[in-house]
Amino acid sequence: MIKVPLTVVGAEMLKQELHHLKTVERPNVIQAISEARAQGDLSENAEYDAAKERQGFIEGRIAELEGKLSNAQVIDPTTIEAEGRIVFGATVELEDLETGDVVKYQIVGDDEADIKSAKISVSSPISRALIGKFAGDVAEVQAPAGIREYEVLDVQYI
């Protein structure tokens, strides 16, 4: 089995979503199906079709989350001893050498990536270019507009 890397926060988010789907969404859709069935002819019942479709989505998402959590490798960034090297869970401060812009990202699992929260996926091109680097190193990232260079200013495990 392939291990799914997650931070502690990411694993907790998936657990909360799974709990919500099982305790709120699943009972709601079962109730909606029951109500739609009570209306009679199912062959022309749009509410029934919509509820069954929603049930399929919910059950699929539950199975997906259970699979990910059972294969999760939960990593706590605060306990990492990488001696300044960029690894999964690290928070990095970068300077774009072309524009001078400074950005800060945390490298997280695919399911917890959110650019608005400054969390980038471990499988993204920028993360792959950064893994193994130290503060002071320059990483070349293949972007759609061409190669971009970033200097690593700081590496933290928070």
Protein backbone atom coordinates (compact mmCIF):
# COMPACT_ATOMS: atom_id res chain seq x y z
CA MET A 1 0.00 0.00 0.00
CA ILE A 2 1.13 3.50 -0.78
CA LYS A 3 1.39 5.65 2.31
CA VAL A 4 -0.40 9.00 2.17
CA PRO A 5 1.66 11.70 3.92
CA LEU A 6 -0.39 14.03 6.11
CA THR A 7 0.43 16.57 8.76
CA VAL A 8 -1.30 16.22 12.12
CA VAL A 9 -3.63 19.11 11.21
CA GLY A 10 -4.43 17.57 7.81
CA ALA A 11 -5.26 14.18 9.34
CA GLU A 12 -7.56 15.85 11.85
CA MET A 13 -9.34 17.75 9.05
CA LEU A 14 -9.98 14.50 7.17
CA LYS A 15 -11.25 12.82 10.34
CA GLN A 16 -13.65 15.71 10.96
CA GLU A 17 -14.95 15.56 7.39
CA LEU A 18 -15.45 11.79 7.67
CA HIS A 19 -17.31 12.19 10.97
CA HIS A 20 -19.55 14.90 9.44
CA LEU A 21 -20.35 12.75 6.42
CA LYS A 22 -21.23 9.74 8.58
CA THR A 23 -23.21 11.53 11.28
CA VAL A 24 -24.91 14.38 9.37
CA GLU A 25 -24.85 13.95 5.60
CA ARG A 26 -25.53 10.21 5.41
CA PRO A 27 -28.63 10.34 7.69
CA ASN A 28 -29.93 13.41 5.82
CA VAL A 29 -29.70 11.72 2.42
CA ILE A 30 -31.30 8.54 3.77
CA GLN A 31 -34.19 10.68 5.04
CA ALA A 32 -34.47 12.44 1.65
CA ILE A 33 -34.60 9.07 -0.17
CA SER A 34 -37.28 7.86 2.22
CA GLU A 35 -39.37 10.99 1.66
CA ALA A 36 -38.97 10.77 -2.12
CA ARG A 37 -40.01 7.09 -2.07
CA ALA A 38 -43.17 8.03 -0.18
CA GLN A 39 -44.23 10.25 -3.09
CA GLY A 40 -44.95 7.22 -5.26
CA ASP A 41 -43.75 6.55 -8.83
CA LEU A 42 -39.92 6.48 -8.73
CA SER A 43 -39.45 6.44 -12.51
CA GLU A 44 -40.31 10.14 -12.83
CA ASN A 45 -39.26 11.33 -9.39
CA ALA A 46 -36.49 13.95 -9.69
CA GLU A 47 -36.09 14.26 -5.92
CA TYR A 48 -35.46 10.52 -5.63
CA ASP A 49 -32.89 10.59 -8.44
CA ALA A 50 -31.11 13.59 -6.90
CA ALA A 51 -31.08 11.98 -3.45
CA LYS A 52 -29.70 8.70 -4.85
CA GLU A 53 -27.00 10.61 -6.72
CA ARG A 54 -26.10 12.53 -3.57
CA GLN A 55 -25.99 9.25 -1.63
CA GLY A 56 -23.55 7.81 -4.18
CA PHE A 57 -21.30 10.85 -3.82
CA ILE A 58 -21.38 10.70 0.00
CA GLU A 59 -20.66 6.96 0.13
CA GLY A 60 -17.83 7.37 -2.37
CA ARG A 61 -16.27 10.20 -0.36
CA ILE A 62 -16.60 8.18 2.87
CA ALA A 63 -14.79 5.25 1.25
CA GLU A 64 -12.10 7.58 -0.12
CA LEU A 65 -11.50 9.22 3.27
CA GLU A 66 -11.41 5.89 5.10
CA GLY A 67 -8.87 4.61 2.59
CA LYS A 68 -6.67 7.69 2.94
CA LEU A 69 -6.81 7.65 6.72
CA SER A 70 -6.03 3.92 6.89
CA ASN A 71 -2.97 4.49 4.67
CA ALA A 72 -1.97 7.78 6.29
CA GLN A 73 1.52 8.43 7.47
CA VAL A 74 0.91 11.26 9.93
CA ILE A 75 3.94 13.48 10.33
CA ASP A 76 4.26 16.12 13.04
CA PRO A 77 6.47 18.94 11.69
CA THR A 78 7.41 20.02 15.24
CA THR A 79 9.15 16.68 15.90
CA ILE A 80 11.16 16.57 12.66
CA GLU A 81 14.91 16.51 13.08
CA ALA A 82 16.07 17.38 9.56
CA GLU A 83 18.85 19.75 10.66
CA GLY A 84 17.69 22.62 8.43
CA ARG A 85 16.90 20.51 5.37
CA ILE A 86 13.57 21.00 3.61
CA VAL A 87 11.35 17.96 4.16
CA PHE A 88 7.63 17.20 4.24
CA GLY A 89 5.92 19.44 6.80
CA ALA A 90 8.61 22.12 6.75
CA THR A 91 7.67 25.78 6.44
CA VAL A 92 9.95 27.57 3.99
CA GLU A 93 10.53 31.22 3.25
CA LEU A 94 11.55 31.85 -0.35
CA GLU A 95 12.67 34.80 -2.42
CA ASP A 96 11.85 34.86 -6.12
CA LEU A 97 15.20 35.89 -7.60
CA GLU A 98 13.56 37.52 -10.64
CA THR A 99 10.99 39.70 -8.86
CA GLY A 100 12.39 39.89 -5.33
CA ASP A 101 9.04 38.76 -3.88
CA VAL A 102 9.27 36.87 -0.60
CA VAL A 103 6.76 34.10 0.09
CA LYS A 104 6.29 31.58 2.89
CA TYR A 105 4.83 28.09 2.33
CA GLN A 106 4.34 24.90 4.30
CA ILE A 107 4.83 21.65 2.40
CA VAL A 108 1.82 19.43 3.12
CA GLY A 109 -0.05 16.41 1.73
CA ASP A 110 -2.14 16.60 -1.43
CA ASP A 111 -5.44 16.67 0.48
CA GLU A 112 -4.49 19.56 2.72
CA ALA A 113 -2.90 21.81 0.08
CA ASP A 114 -4.45 25.29 -0.04
CA ILE A 115 -2.54 28.11 -1.66
CA LYS A 116 -4.70 30.72 0.12
CA SER A 117 -3.45 29.30 3.42
CA ALA A 118 0.14 29.15 2.11
CA LYS A 119 0.12 25.33 2.07
CA ILE A 120 1.52 23.67 -1.03
CA SER A 121 1.30 20.02 -2.02
CA VAL A 122 4.35 17.82 -1.57
CA SER A 123 3.80 16.65 -5.16
CA SER A 124 3.77 20.17 -6.66
CA PRO A 125 6.68 21.22 -8.88
CA ILE A 126 7.90 23.83 -6.38
CA SER A 127 7.88 21.33 -3.49
CA ARG A 128 9.72 18.72 -5.52
CA ALA A 129 12.38 21.32 -6.36
CA LEU A 130 12.71 22.37 -2.71
CA ILE A 131 12.89 18.97 -0.96
CA GLY A 132 16.43 18.37 0.30
CA LYS A 133 17.56 22.00 0.03
CA PHE A 134 18.88 24.13 2.92
CA ALA A 135 18.65 27.84 3.73
CA GLY A 136 20.87 29.70 1.27
CA ASP A 137 20.34 27.18 -1.55
CA VAL A 138 18.73 28.16 -4.86
CA ALA A 139 15.98 25.97 -6.29
CA GLU A 140 15.04 25.95 -9.95
CA VAL A 141 11.35 25.34 -10.56
CA GLN A 142 9.92 24.41 -13.95
CA ALA A 143 6.86 26.68 -14.22
CA PRO A 144 4.50 27.03 -17.19
CA ALA A 145 6.19 30.33 -18.06
CA GLY A 146 9.67 28.78 -17.90
CA ILE A 147 12.26 28.13 -15.21
CA ARG A 148 11.92 30.23 -12.04
CA GLU A 149 14.64 30.48 -9.42
CA TYR A 150 13.95 30.76 -5.70
CA GLU A 151 16.46 31.29 -2.92
CA VAL A 152 15.63 29.53 0.32
CA LEU A 153 15.79 32.17 3.06
CA ASP A 154 14.60 30.12 6.04
CA VAL A 155 13.42 26.62 6.95
CA GLN A 156 11.23 26.02 10.01
CA TYR A 157 9.45 23.03 11.49
CA ILE A 158 6.34 24.55 13.06
